[in-house]
Amino acid sequence: MAQKRVQLDQDTFSCSICLDLLKDPVTTPCGHSYCMNCIKAHWDTEDGKKFHSCPQCRKTFTPRPVLLKNTMLADLVEQLKKTGLQAAAADHCYAGPEYVACDVCTGRRLKAIKSCLVCLVSYCEKHLQPHHDVPPLKKHKLVDPSNKLQENICSRHGEVMQIFCRTDQQCICYLCLMDEHKGHDTVSAAAERTERQRELEGSRLNIQQRIQNREEDVKLLHQEVEAVNLFAEKTVEDSEKIFTDQISIIEKRRSDVKQQVRSQQRTEVSRVKELQEKLEQEITELKRQDAELHKLSHTEDLNQFLHNYPSLSPLSESTDSSSINIRPLRYFEDVTAAVSEVGDELKDVLRKKWRNVSLSVTEVDVLLPQPEPKTRAGFLRYSREITLDPNTANRQLSLSGGNRKATFVSQHQSYSRHTDRFTDYFQVLSRESLTGRCYWEVKWRGAGVYVAVAYKGISRKGDGDECLFGFNNKSWALRCHKHSCNILYNDVQGPVSGPRSSRVGVYLDHSSGILSFYSVSETMTLLHRVQTTFTQPLYAGLLFYSSGDTAELCKLK
């Protein structure tokens, strides 16, 4: 409260012109006080008029009053200064180089808070007050402080430029309108501002909508990054588990083979050693008998010889040599062959299946949409090997060429019963699902063919639109005829531009929602481009007109 009282005291003894503490204070006849130099400078600007006025209450005086120093006020101001208080202006914000200064202030000028487009003057808070109090001034247009007010003055005539010349695209004053801009297309600057403001708001709405769209895109991309990271981690985890399980099975089989070989090894070694010991015992016995016979054969005493001969032990039965089966370097060769065969089969399976794994990983789209190729060579980078699924083919479609070619025939084919088969329309879908960026080409001959893509969930039974390519919200089709082409989706047909061709290229960017059909000849001509959002994997499709028509998924690699 004390601070507020001091502030009020300072305002009381401040000059309303310079906003500083009064210097040589004087009081006008209406009772308002000013610095002597401030009020003299103000009245000097009015010397051409018949009267002089008070800057605060606008009361006029005739003739110019003679002013004398108000000694009482001077003493009070000096007393305030002795208390250590600073001038009132110290509590206000002076205009620095970066601000717009009040045009009315004298001496050290304060920061302007508004500029008047009618007066072409900038005012501080104190000097702006008349624009709030005086009725005529209330109608003036106040804007944020501006250093460019003089740019509203015609450099040639010194008048405010309130007219806009649309012919020369510049602001002019009313004298310019009578001079060099006579006959030009002109309107008031305010009217032009209103029209330009309307255009500006339209541009801002467009920009804001684009900002909103891009923010939504960024949000979706952020979600996609999170989804990619989540599914990548889950895929790595699942594949690690699968490989770990497979490795565990292989390790178990390896251990089993090892144990079986070791067990058989022990059995065989034991059998061989047992036979070896038996043979060694037989050798020892034979050597003993041989020594006895050798000794007896050298006996010269006939009686002794004949006496000892009957006592010789008979020869033991010799071990059957046929039981000795020696197979050098061939032990367990059957096991080795069997393990080798398993290894070869495993390698073959991995080699065949690994390409599908690599393709699946390659098909993970980058987050940002990629530009559509401009040349056929560019499209061929995304070519896919696609085959037709016999389980979906109508019974009057004959598949050939490795299930790449379909022909509409009059005789029913001996296909097995299957829930995926189209029962009434002469249609067929591809075996492979299509995601990511894909390109394929269809070469057709005959009355015509539909080159289509569809979700797997398209209906198969019956002759309703829910089964027919291009006549529901689950399929898109390019109807190729001898003389014309049409695009169909959800039973709505649209014309296409470009020449008819017997070879149609199809480009799919699944994540970006782009499906393009091209006429392929020496050059590629865009027939139609679909921009949508695909919610499921797509399948390539073919639909035929009449018997004899053929279409083939071309080999591009």
Protein backbone atom coordinates (compact mmCIF):
# COMPACT_ATOMS: atom_id res chain seq x y z
CA MET A 1 0.00 0.00 0.00
CA ALA A 2 2.88 2.33 0.79
CA GLN A 3 4.37 1.72 -2.64
CA LYS A 4 1.01 2.54 -4.25
CA ARG A 5 0.79 5.79 -2.28
CA VAL A 6 4.27 6.81 -3.36
CA GLN A 7 3.38 6.06 -6.99
CA LEU A 8 0.28 8.25 -6.71
CA ASP A 9 2.41 11.03 -5.25
CA GLN A 10 4.83 10.78 -8.13
CA ASP A 11 1.99 10.93 -10.69
CA THR A 12 0.59 13.95 -8.89
CA PHE A 13 3.84 15.87 -9.31
CA SER A 14 4.62 14.69 -12.84
CA CYS A 15 4.31 16.71 -16.05
CA SER A 16 1.68 15.17 -18.35
CA ILE A 17 3.73 16.24 -21.38
CA CYS A 18 7.19 14.85 -20.57
CA LEU A 19 5.95 12.47 -17.83
CA ASP A 20 8.92 13.44 -15.70
CA LEU A 21 8.85 15.18 -12.29
CA LEU A 22 7.95 18.80 -12.73
CA LYS A 23 10.84 21.13 -13.54
CA ASP A 24 10.17 24.81 -12.86
CA PRO A 25 6.48 23.97 -12.45
CA VAL A 26 3.86 26.43 -13.71
CA THR A 27 0.07 26.22 -13.46
CA THR A 28 -2.33 27.18 -16.24
CA PRO A 29 -5.54 29.14 -15.51
CA CYS A 30 -7.51 25.85 -15.69
CA GLY A 31 -5.47 24.47 -12.76
CA HIS A 32 -3.19 21.94 -14.53
CA SER A 33 0.54 22.04 -13.90
CA TYR A 34 3.40 21.50 -16.37
CA CYS A 35 7.11 22.00 -16.70
CA MET A 36 7.61 25.59 -17.86
CA ASN A 37 9.59 24.54 -20.93
CA CYS A 38 7.08 21.78 -21.82
CA ILE A 39 4.00 24.04 -21.85
CA LYS A 40 5.89 26.84 -23.62
CA ALA A 41 6.99 24.40 -26.35
CA HIS A 42 3.41 23.17 -26.68
CA TRP A 43 1.98 26.67 -27.01
CA ASP A 44 4.72 27.67 -29.44
CA THR A 45 3.22 25.12 -31.86
CA GLU A 46 -0.15 26.87 -31.50
CA ASP A 47 1.08 30.40 -32.19
CA GLY A 48 -0.55 30.35 -35.59
CA LYS A 49 -3.94 29.77 -34.00
CA LYS A 50 -6.26 32.34 -32.39
CA PHE A 51 -6.15 30.55 -29.06
CA HIS A 52 -3.97 28.33 -26.86
CA SER A 53 -5.22 25.19 -25.14
CA CYS A 54 -4.48 23.01 -22.14
CA PRO A 55 -3.03 19.67 -23.30
CA GLN A 56 -5.09 17.83 -20.69
CA CYS A 57 -8.58 19.35 -20.57
CA ARG A 58 -8.42 21.17 -23.96
CA LYS A 59 -9.68 24.41 -22.39
CA THR A 60 -8.69 27.39 -24.56
CA PHE A 61 -7.17 30.68 -23.51
CA THR A 62 -7.12 33.99 -25.35
CA PRO A 63 -4.64 35.65 -25.26
CA ARG A 64 -1.71 33.35 -24.40
CA PRO A 65 -1.46 33.25 -20.59
CA VAL A 66 1.61 34.63 -18.87
CA LEU A 67 3.00 31.82 -16.70
CA LEU A 68 4.92 32.20 -13.46
CA LYS A 69 6.80 29.57 -11.54
CA ASN A 70 4.70 27.82 -8.90
CA THR A 71 7.11 27.98 -5.96
CA MET A 72 5.05 25.73 -3.73
CA LEU A 73 5.02 22.95 -6.30
CA ALA A 74 8.73 23.47 -6.94
CA ASP A 75 9.45 23.04 -3.21
CA LEU A 76 7.32 19.87 -3.03
CA VAL A 77 9.11 18.39 -6.04
CA GLU A 78 12.48 19.14 -4.48
CA GLN A 79 11.30 17.50 -1.27
CA LEU A 80 10.32 14.37 -3.23
CA LYS A 81 13.73 14.26 -4.82
CA LYS A 82 15.43 14.51 -1.41
CA THR A 83 13.52 11.43 -0.21
CA GLY A 84 15.52 9.42 -2.73
CA LEU A 85 12.61 8.73 -5.09
CA GLN A 86 13.35 8.72 -8.77
CA ALA A 87 11.46 10.56 -11.41
CA ALA A 88 8.15 9.10 -12.46
CA ALA A 89 9.48 8.31 -15.84
CA ALA A 90 11.88 5.86 -14.26
CA ASP A 91 8.86 3.68 -13.51
CA HIS A 92 7.71 3.89 -17.09
CA CYS A 93 9.25 2.15 -20.04
CA TYR A 94 11.30 4.43 -22.23
CA ALA A 95 11.45 3.62 -25.91
CA GLY A 96 14.63 1.83 -26.85
CA PRO A 97 15.90 1.34 -30.41
CA GLU A 98 13.79 -1.79 -30.78
CA TYR A 99 10.53 -0.02 -29.83
CA VAL A 100 8.29 2.62 -31.42
CA ALA A 101 8.57 5.93 -29.55
CA CYS A 102 5.67 8.21 -28.70
CA ASP A 103 5.58 11.10 -31.20
CA VAL A 104 4.07 13.51 -28.63
CA CYS A 105 6.61 13.07 -25.83
CA THR A 106 9.38 15.65 -25.61
CA GLY A 107 12.82 14.98 -24.28
CA ARG A 108 13.28 11.32 -23.49
CA ARG A 109 10.28 9.69 -25.18
CA LEU A 110 8.26 6.78 -23.85
CA LYS A 111 7.37 3.60 -25.64
CA ALA A 112 4.25 3.91 -27.80
CA ILE A 113 1.41 1.48 -27.14
CA LYS A 114 -0.69 2.36 -30.20
CA SER A 115 -0.41 4.07 -33.56
CA CYS A 116 -3.28 5.99 -35.18
CA LEU A 117 -3.80 5.40 -38.91
CA VAL A 118 -5.79 8.66 -39.17
CA CYS A 119 -3.45 10.95 -37.24
CA LEU A 120 -0.42 8.99 -38.46
CA VAL A 121 1.00 9.45 -34.95
CA SER A 122 2.16 6.94 -32.35
CA TYR A 123 1.09 7.48 -28.73
CA CYS A 124 2.22 6.35 -25.30
CA GLU A 125 -0.43 5.47 -22.75
CA LYS A 126 -0.71 9.02 -21.41
CA HIS A 127 -0.97 10.75 -24.79
CA LEU A 128 -3.33 8.13 -26.16
CA GLN A 129 -5.97 9.01 -23.56
CA PRO A 130 -7.74 11.65 -25.72
CA HIS A 131 -8.45 8.93 -28.32
CA HIS A 132 -10.43 7.17 -25.59
CA ASP A 133 -12.15 10.29 -24.25
CA VAL A 134 -12.81 12.66 -27.19
CA PRO A 135 -15.74 11.46 -29.38
CA PRO A 136 -14.25 12.43 -32.78
CA LEU A 137 -10.96 10.76 -31.88
CA LYS A 138 -12.71 7.56 -30.80
CA LYS A 139 -13.53 6.91 -34.46
CA HIS A 140 -9.86 6.81 -35.44
CA LYS A 141 -8.29 3.47 -36.35
CA LEU A 142 -5.75 2.40 -33.71
CA VAL A 143 -3.24 -0.36 -34.45
CA ASP A 144 -0.19 -1.83 -32.77
CA PRO A 145 2.77 0.56 -32.71
CA SER A 146 4.37 0.95 -36.14
CA ASN A 147 7.48 2.70 -37.43
CA LYS A 148 6.07 2.68 -40.94
CA LEU A 149 3.26 5.19 -40.56
CA GLN A 150 4.95 7.57 -42.97
CA GLU A 151 4.70 4.92 -45.65
CA ASN A 152 0.96 5.70 -45.65
CA ILE A 153 1.74 9.24 -46.85
CA CYS A 154 1.99 9.88 -50.59
CA SER A 155 5.56 10.98 -51.25
CA ARG A 156 4.36 13.18 -54.13
CA HIS A 157 1.35 14.94 -52.63
CA GLY A 158 1.84 14.49 -48.89
CA GLU A 159 -1.67 13.07 -48.48
CA VAL A 160 -2.80 9.87 -46.80
CA MET A 161 -3.02 7.02 -49.31
CA GLN A 162 -6.51 5.62 -48.81
CA ILE A 163 -7.11 4.34 -52.36
CA PHE A 164 -5.77 1.18 -54.01
CA CYS A 165 -5.06 1.11 -57.74
CA ARG A 166 -5.66 -2.43 -58.99
CA THR A 167 -4.21 -1.54 -62.38
CA ASP A 168 -0.78 -0.68 -60.91
CA GLN A 169 -1.20 -2.75 -57.73
CA GLN A 170 -0.28 0.11 -55.36
CA CYS A 171 -1.78 2.45 -52.79
CA ILE A 172 -2.40 6.06 -53.88
CA CYS A 173 -3.92 9.25 -52.50
CA TYR A 174 -6.99 11.03 -53.89
CA LEU A 175 -4.78 13.51 -55.79
CA CYS A 176 -3.01 10.62 -57.55
CA LEU A 177 -6.46 9.40 -58.60
CA MET A 178 -7.00 12.67 -60.48
CA ASP A 179 -3.52 12.60 -61.97
CA GLU A 180 -1.45 9.70 -63.30
CA HIS A 181 -3.96 7.04 -62.12
CA LYS A 182 -6.96 8.63 -63.78
CA GLY A 183 -9.14 6.02 -65.47
CA HIS A 184 -7.49 3.11 -63.64
CA ASP A 185 -9.38 0.37 -61.82
CA THR A 186 -9.40 1.73 -58.26
CA VAL A 187 -11.16 0.93 -54.99
CA SER A 188 -10.78 2.12 -51.45
CA ALA A 189 -7.83 0.65 -49.63
CA ALA A 190 -10.26 -0.66 -47.01
CA ALA A 191 -12.31 -2.51 -49.66
CA GLU A 192 -9.18 -4.03 -51.19
CA ARG A 193 -8.00 -5.01 -47.72
CA THR A 194 -11.35 -6.72 -47.07
CA GLU A 195 -11.08 -8.73 -50.31
CA ARG A 196 -7.43 -9.58 -49.76
CA GLN A 197 -8.25 -10.48 -46.15
CA ARG A 198 -10.88 -12.89 -47.41
CA GLU A 199 -8.32 -14.47 -49.76
CA LEU A 200 -5.79 -14.54 -46.93
CA GLU A 201 -8.23 -16.30 -44.61
CA GLY A 202 -8.93 -18.82 -47.36
CA SER A 203 -5.19 -19.41 -47.75
CA ARG A 204 -4.80 -19.71 -44.00
CA LEU A 205 -7.63 -22.24 -43.82
CA ASN A 206 -5.95 -24.20 -46.60
CA ILE A 207 -2.59 -24.05 -44.82
CA GLN A 208 -4.14 -24.98 -41.49
CA GLN A 209 -5.92 -27.92 -43.14
CA ARG A 210 -2.64 -29.02 -44.70
CA ILE A 211 -0.91 -28.63 -41.33
CA GLN A 212 -3.65 -30.73 -39.74
CA ASN A 213 -3.32 -33.33 -42.49
CA ARG A 214 0.46 -33.44 -42.17
CA GLU A 215 0.18 -33.68 -38.37
CA GLU A 216 -2.23 -36.59 -38.83
CA ASP A 217 0.25 -38.12 -41.27
CA VAL A 218 3.08 -37.64 -38.77
CA LYS A 219 0.90 -39.22 -36.08
CA LEU A 220 0.13 -42.17 -38.36
CA LEU A 221 3.80 -42.51 -39.25
CA HIS A 222 4.67 -42.45 -35.55
CA GLN A 223 2.10 -45.18 -34.96
CA GLU A 224 3.51 -47.11 -37.91
CA VAL A 225 7.02 -46.80 -36.50
CA GLU A 226 5.76 -48.18 -33.20
CA ALA A 227 3.89 -50.95 -35.03
CA VAL A 228 6.95 -51.81 -37.14
CA ASN A 229 9.13 -51.94 -34.03
CA LEU A 230 6.54 -53.99 -32.14
CA PHE A 231 5.99 -56.52 -34.93
CA ALA A 232 9.70 -56.66 -35.73
CA GLU A 233 10.48 -57.52 -32.12
CA LYS A 234 7.68 -60.10 -32.05
CA THR A 235 8.84 -61.59 -35.36
CA VAL A 236 12.43 -61.81 -34.13
CA GLU A 237 11.20 -63.39 -30.90
CA ASP A 238 8.96 -65.89 -32.72
CA SER A 239 11.61 -66.76 -35.31
CA GLU A 240 14.22 -67.17 -32.57
CA LYS A 241 11.87 -69.55 -30.78
CA ILE A 242 11.19 -71.51 -33.96
CA PHE A 243 14.89 -71.72 -34.83
CA THR A 244 15.72 -72.59 -31.23
CA ASP A 245 13.15 -75.38 -31.32
CA GLN A 246 14.55 -76.65 -34.62
CA ILE A 247 18.10 -76.43 -33.31
CA SER A 248 16.97 -78.27 -30.16
CA ILE A 249 15.44 -81.02 -32.31
CA ILE A 250 18.63 -81.27 -34.38
CA GLU A 251 20.72 -81.27 -31.21
CA LYS A 252 18.53 -84.05 -29.80
CA ARG A 253 18.86 -86.06 -32.99
CA ARG A 254 22.61 -85.49 -33.01
CA SER A 255 22.82 -86.66 -29.40
CA ASP A 256 20.68 -89.72 -30.19
CA VAL A 257 22.88 -90.64 -33.15
CA LYS A 258 25.98 -90.13 -31.06
CA GLN A 259 24.63 -92.30 -28.25
CA GLN A 260 23.54 -95.02 -30.66
CA VAL A 261 26.93 -95.01 -32.40
CA ARG A 262 28.77 -95.12 -29.05
CA SER A 263 26.56 -97.93 -27.81
CA GLN A 264 27.09 -99.91 -30.99
CA GLN A 265 30.78 -99.07 -30.78
CA ARG A 266 30.99 -100.55 -27.29
CA THR A 267 29.07 -103.66 -28.37
CA GLU A 268 31.29 -104.24 -31.39
CA VAL A 269 34.52 -103.59 -29.50
CA SER A 270 33.41 -105.94 -26.70
CA ARG A 271 32.54 -108.65 -29.22
CA VAL A 272 35.88 -108.25 -31.02
CA LYS A 273 37.88 -108.24 -27.76
CA GLU A 274 36.07 -111.34 -26.53
CA LEU A 275 36.93 -113.14 -29.77
CA GLN A 276 40.45 -111.78 -29.60
CA GLU A 277 40.93 -113.18 -26.08
CA LYS A 278 39.56 -116.54 -27.17
CA LEU A 279 41.95 -116.65 -30.10
CA GLU A 280 44.88 -115.62 -27.93
CA GLN A 281 44.04 -118.43 -25.48
CA GLU A 282 43.86 -120.91 -28.37
CA ILE A 283 47.23 -119.69 -29.64
CA THR A 284 48.76 -120.17 -26.20
CA GLU A 285 47.40 -123.70 -25.96
CA LEU A 286 48.54 -124.57 -29.47
CA LYS A 287 52.03 -123.28 -28.70
CA ARG A 288 52.16 -125.44 -25.56
CA GLN A 289 51.08 -128.50 -27.50
CA ASP A 290 53.54 -127.69 -30.24
CA ALA A 291 56.35 -127.51 -27.65
CA GLU A 292 55.37 -130.95 -26.25
CA LEU A 293 55.28 -132.46 -29.71
CA HIS A 294 58.61 -130.84 -30.53
CA LYS A 295 60.14 -132.28 -27.38
CA LEU A 296 58.70 -135.74 -27.99
CA SER A 297 59.85 -135.72 -31.58
CA HIS A 298 63.42 -135.33 -30.38
CA THR A 299 63.28 -138.26 -27.88
CA GLU A 300 65.72 -140.98 -28.94
CA ASP A 301 64.57 -143.59 -26.46
CA LEU A 302 62.02 -145.66 -28.34
CA ASN A 303 60.35 -147.02 -25.25
CA GLN A 304 60.07 -143.54 -23.77
CA PHE A 305 58.64 -142.13 -27.00
CA LEU A 306 56.02 -144.86 -27.27
CA HIS A 307 55.17 -144.57 -23.59
CA ASN A 308 54.62 -140.77 -23.69
CA TYR A 309 52.85 -140.45 -27.02
CA PRO A 310 49.42 -141.65 -25.88
CA SER A 311 49.45 -139.22 -22.98
CA LEU A 312 49.56 -136.19 -25.29
CA SER A 313 46.32 -134.13 -25.08
CA PRO A 314 44.26 -134.04 -28.20
CA LEU A 315 44.08 -130.82 -30.20
CA SER A 316 41.28 -128.49 -29.10
CA GLU A 317 38.58 -127.55 -31.54
CA SER A 318 39.67 -124.64 -33.65
CA THR A 319 37.68 -121.41 -33.54
CA ASP A 320 35.48 -120.91 -36.62
CA SER A 321 37.21 -118.18 -38.63
CA SER A 322 33.96 -117.36 -40.46
CA SER A 323 32.70 -115.60 -37.30
CA ILE A 324 35.44 -113.02 -37.74
CA ASN A 325 33.85 -110.26 -39.91
CA ILE A 326 36.37 -107.54 -40.67
CA ARG A 327 34.96 -104.41 -42.38
CA PRO A 328 37.78 -101.89 -42.52
CA LEU A 329 36.66 -98.21 -42.99
CA ARG A 330 33.02 -99.23 -43.43
CA TYR A 331 31.77 -99.25 -39.88
CA PHE A 332 28.57 -97.11 -39.49
CA GLU A 333 28.70 -95.95 -43.10
CA ASP A 334 24.94 -96.48 -43.28
CA VAL A 335 24.46 -94.06 -40.39
CA THR A 336 26.70 -91.51 -42.07
CA ALA A 337 24.77 -91.88 -45.31
CA ALA A 338 21.42 -91.47 -43.55
CA VAL A 339 22.57 -88.35 -41.65
CA SER A 340 24.02 -86.92 -44.86
CA GLU A 341 20.73 -87.52 -46.65
CA VAL A 342 18.81 -85.72 -43.89
CA GLY A 343 21.28 -82.82 -44.10
CA ASP A 344 20.86 -82.56 -47.86
CA GLU A 345 17.06 -82.58 -47.57
CA LEU A 346 17.17 -79.93 -44.84
CA LYS A 347 19.43 -77.73 -46.96
CA ASP A 348 17.10 -78.14 -49.92
CA VAL A 349 14.04 -77.18 -47.85
CA LEU A 350 15.82 -74.14 -46.42
CA ARG A 351 17.00 -73.07 -49.86
CA LYS A 352 13.50 -73.31 -51.33
CA LYS A 353 11.65 -71.74 -48.43
CA TRP A 354 14.22 -69.10 -47.56
CA ARG A 355 13.36 -67.08 -50.66
CA ASN A 356 9.81 -66.68 -49.36
CA VAL A 357 11.19 -65.50 -46.01
CA SER A 358 13.50 -63.02 -47.77
CA LEU A 359 10.64 -61.72 -49.93
CA SER A 360 8.41 -61.30 -46.91
CA VAL A 361 11.10 -59.28 -45.10
CA THR A 362 11.81 -57.20 -48.23
CA GLU A 363 8.14 -56.38 -48.56
CA VAL A 364 8.05 -54.46 -45.26
CA ASP A 365 7.36 -50.96 -46.56
CA VAL A 366 9.37 -47.91 -45.69
CA LEU A 367 7.42 -45.37 -43.66
CA LEU A 368 7.28 -42.58 -46.18
CA PRO A 369 5.48 -43.02 -49.52
CA GLN A 370 7.80 -43.67 -52.46
CA PRO A 371 7.33 -41.97 -55.84
CA GLU A 372 5.78 -44.07 -58.58
CA PRO A 373 8.34 -45.23 -61.16
CA LYS A 374 8.50 -43.35 -64.47
CA THR A 375 9.86 -46.04 -66.76
CA ARG A 376 9.11 -49.70 -67.36
CA ALA A 377 12.58 -50.56 -66.05
CA GLY A 378 11.64 -48.76 -62.85
CA PHE A 379 8.42 -50.77 -62.56
CA LEU A 380 10.22 -54.03 -63.23
CA ARG A 381 12.20 -53.51 -60.01
CA TYR A 382 8.95 -54.36 -58.19
CA SER A 383 7.85 -57.23 -60.46
CA ARG A 384 6.35 -60.25 -58.71
CA GLU A 385 6.06 -63.83 -59.87
CA ILE A 386 2.32 -64.46 -59.70
CA THR A 387 0.45 -67.67 -60.47
CA LEU A 388 -3.26 -68.44 -60.66
CA ASP A 389 -4.88 -70.45 -57.90
CA PRO A 390 -6.71 -73.51 -59.34
CA ASN A 391 -8.87 -73.65 -56.21
CA THR A 392 -10.45 -70.28 -57.14
CA ALA A 393 -10.87 -70.85 -60.90
CA ASN A 394 -14.38 -71.18 -62.32
CA ARG A 395 -14.90 -74.65 -63.84
CA GLN A 396 -14.98 -73.17 -67.36
CA LEU A 397 -11.49 -71.71 -67.00
CA SER A 398 -8.62 -73.92 -68.12
CA LEU A 399 -5.27 -73.13 -66.52
CA SER A 400 -1.98 -73.81 -68.27
CA GLY A 401 1.59 -72.54 -68.58
CA GLY A 402 2.45 -73.32 -64.97
CA ASN A 403 -0.88 -71.82 -63.82
CA ARG A 404 -0.01 -68.47 -65.40
CA LYS A 405 -2.44 -68.66 -68.31
CA ALA A 406 -6.23 -68.94 -68.18
CA THR A 407 -8.55 -69.73 -71.10
CA PHE A 408 -12.33 -69.51 -71.13
CA VAL A 409 -13.52 -72.91 -72.49
CA SER A 410 -16.96 -74.38 -73.10
CA GLN A 411 -16.23 -77.69 -71.40
CA HIS A 412 -16.27 -77.88 -67.61
CA GLN A 413 -12.93 -78.72 -66.05
CA SER A 414 -12.56 -81.56 -63.56
CA TYR A 415 -11.65 -79.37 -60.59
CA SER A 416 -12.27 -80.72 -57.10
CA ARG A 417 -14.85 -79.11 -54.88
CA HIS A 418 -13.44 -76.12 -52.98
CA THR A 419 -14.97 -73.29 -50.95
CA ASP A 420 -12.72 -70.71 -52.67
CA ARG A 421 -14.00 -71.46 -56.20
CA PHE A 422 -16.08 -68.90 -58.13
CA THR A 423 -19.26 -70.80 -58.99
CA ASP A 424 -21.03 -68.52 -61.49
CA TYR A 425 -18.66 -65.85 -62.82
CA PHE A 426 -15.72 -66.81 -65.08
CA GLN A 427 -13.12 -65.51 -62.66
CA VAL A 428 -9.88 -66.61 -61.01
CA LEU A 429 -7.59 -65.14 -58.34
CA SER A 430 -3.84 -65.41 -57.82
CA ARG A 431 -2.35 -67.83 -55.34
CA GLU A 432 -0.01 -65.15 -53.95
CA SER A 433 -1.19 -62.27 -51.78
CA LEU A 434 0.03 -58.78 -52.71
CA THR A 435 1.33 -56.23 -50.22
CA GLY A 436 4.08 -53.62 -50.32
CA ARG A 437 5.02 -52.44 -53.83
CA CYS A 438 4.26 -54.90 -56.63
CA TYR A 439 4.13 -54.83 -60.42
CA TRP A 440 2.82 -57.42 -62.89
CA GLU A 441 1.67 -57.49 -66.49
CA VAL A 442 -1.29 -59.24 -68.15
CA LYS A 443 -1.35 -60.13 -71.85
CA TRP A 444 -4.85 -60.85 -73.14
CA ARG A 445 -6.53 -61.91 -76.39
CA GLY A 446 -10.16 -62.22 -77.48
CA ALA A 447 -13.33 -60.19 -76.94
CA GLY A 448 -12.11 -58.71 -73.67
CA VAL A 449 -11.00 -59.33 -70.12
CA TYR A 450 -11.21 -57.70 -66.69
CA VAL A 451 -7.79 -57.12 -65.07
CA ALA A 452 -8.58 -56.88 -61.38
CA VAL A 453 -7.42 -56.94 -57.78
CA ALA A 454 -9.59 -58.11 -54.89
CA TYR A 455 -9.58 -58.86 -51.20
CA LYS A 456 -9.58 -62.53 -50.23
CA GLY A 457 -12.97 -62.05 -48.57
CA ILE A 458 -14.81 -61.40 -51.85
CA SER A 459 -17.84 -63.71 -52.16
CA ARG A 460 -17.44 -66.81 -54.35
CA LYS A 461 -20.89 -68.43 -54.59
CA GLY A 462 -23.77 -67.11 -56.68
CA ASP A 463 -24.23 -64.52 -59.41
CA GLY A 464 -24.71 -61.41 -57.27
CA ASP A 465 -22.63 -58.22 -57.51
CA GLU A 466 -20.85 -59.19 -54.30
CA CYS A 467 -18.99 -61.84 -56.35
CA LEU A 468 -18.23 -59.86 -59.53
CA PHE A 469 -14.92 -58.00 -59.88
CA GLY A 470 -15.46 -54.23 -59.87
CA PHE A 471 -19.07 -54.35 -58.71
CA ASN A 472 -18.47 -54.28 -54.93
CA ASN A 473 -16.26 -52.58 -52.36
CA LYS A 474 -13.87 -55.53 -52.19
CA SER A 475 -12.45 -55.34 -55.72
CA TRP A 476 -11.18 -52.96 -58.40
CA ALA A 477 -11.19 -53.87 -62.10
CA LEU A 478 -9.99 -52.48 -65.42
CA ARG A 479 -12.43 -53.62 -68.14
CA CYS A 480 -10.41 -54.10 -71.32
CA HIS A 481 -12.43 -54.35 -74.55
CA LYS A 482 -11.42 -54.32 -78.20
CA HIS A 483 -12.46 -50.70 -78.59
CA SER A 484 -12.54 -49.18 -75.09
CA CYS A 485 -11.53 -49.41 -71.42
CA ASN A 486 -13.37 -48.62 -68.21
CA ILE A 487 -12.47 -48.62 -64.54
CA LEU A 488 -14.95 -50.18 -62.13
CA TYR A 489 -15.31 -50.06 -58.36
CA ASN A 490 -18.39 -50.69 -56.23
CA ASP A 491 -20.63 -50.85 -59.34
CA VAL A 492 -19.48 -47.40 -60.52
CA GLN A 493 -17.87 -47.13 -63.95
CA GLY A 494 -15.45 -44.43 -65.04
CA PRO A 495 -13.70 -43.75 -68.34
CA VAL A 496 -9.94 -44.07 -68.68
CA SER A 497 -7.52 -42.13 -70.82
CA GLY A 498 -4.80 -43.51 -73.02
CA PRO A 499 -4.60 -46.03 -75.86
CA ARG A 500 -6.06 -49.53 -75.66
CA SER A 501 -3.42 -52.22 -75.39
CA SER A 502 -3.37 -56.02 -75.33
CA ARG A 503 -0.75 -55.83 -72.58
CA VAL A 504 -1.72 -54.18 -69.29
CA GLY A 505 0.73 -53.29 -66.52
CA VAL A 506 -0.54 -53.11 -62.93
CA TYR A 507 1.36 -51.24 -60.20
CA LEU A 508 0.35 -51.55 -56.54
CA ASP A 509 1.73 -49.53 -53.64
CA HIS A 510 -0.33 -51.11 -50.88
CA SER A 511 0.76 -48.93 -47.94
CA SER A 512 0.27 -45.70 -49.93
CA GLY A 513 -3.11 -46.85 -51.27
CA ILE A 514 -2.08 -46.50 -54.94
CA LEU A 515 -3.30 -48.83 -57.70
CA SER A 516 -2.30 -47.86 -61.26
CA PHE A 517 -3.11 -49.44 -64.61
CA TYR A 518 -0.82 -48.87 -67.60
CA SER A 519 -1.01 -49.58 -71.29
CA VAL A 520 2.28 -51.32 -72.12
CA SER A 521 3.76 -51.06 -75.61
CA GLU A 522 6.99 -49.35 -76.60
CA THR A 523 6.19 -46.86 -73.88
CA MET A 524 4.04 -47.01 -70.76
CA THR A 525 0.89 -44.88 -70.74
CA LEU A 526 -1.12 -44.37 -67.57
CA LEU A 527 -4.73 -45.48 -68.04
CA HIS A 528 -6.05 -44.87 -64.54
CA ARG A 529 -4.78 -44.41 -61.00
CA VAL A 530 -6.77 -45.28 -57.88
CA GLN A 531 -5.96 -43.48 -54.62
CA THR A 532 -7.57 -45.13 -51.60
CA THR A 533 -6.74 -46.98 -48.39
CA PHE A 534 -6.25 -50.74 -48.60
CA THR A 535 -7.19 -52.54 -45.41
CA GLN A 536 -6.14 -56.10 -46.35
CA PRO A 537 -3.70 -57.87 -48.67
CA LEU A 538 -4.86 -57.96 -52.30
CA TYR A 539 -4.94 -60.75 -54.89
CA ALA A 540 -4.59 -60.37 -58.67
CA GLY A 541 -7.71 -61.41 -60.58
CA LEU A 542 -8.95 -62.12 -64.12
CA LEU A 543 -12.54 -62.10 -65.44
CA PHE A 544 -13.48 -63.29 -68.96
CA TYR A 545 -16.20 -62.35 -71.48
CA SER A 546 -16.71 -65.30 -73.78
CA SER A 547 -15.38 -68.66 -74.85
CA GLY A 548 -11.93 -68.57 -76.40
CA ASP A 549 -10.73 -65.50 -74.48
CA THR A 550 -7.31 -65.92 -72.88
CA ALA A 551 -5.16 -63.97 -70.45
CA GLU A 552 -1.68 -64.67 -69.16
CA LEU A 553 0.37 -63.38 -66.24
CA CYS A 554 3.62 -62.51 -68.04
CA LYS A 555 7.03 -63.69 -66.89
CA LEU A 556 9.01 -60.50 -66.26
CA LYS A 557 12.31 -61.90 -64.91
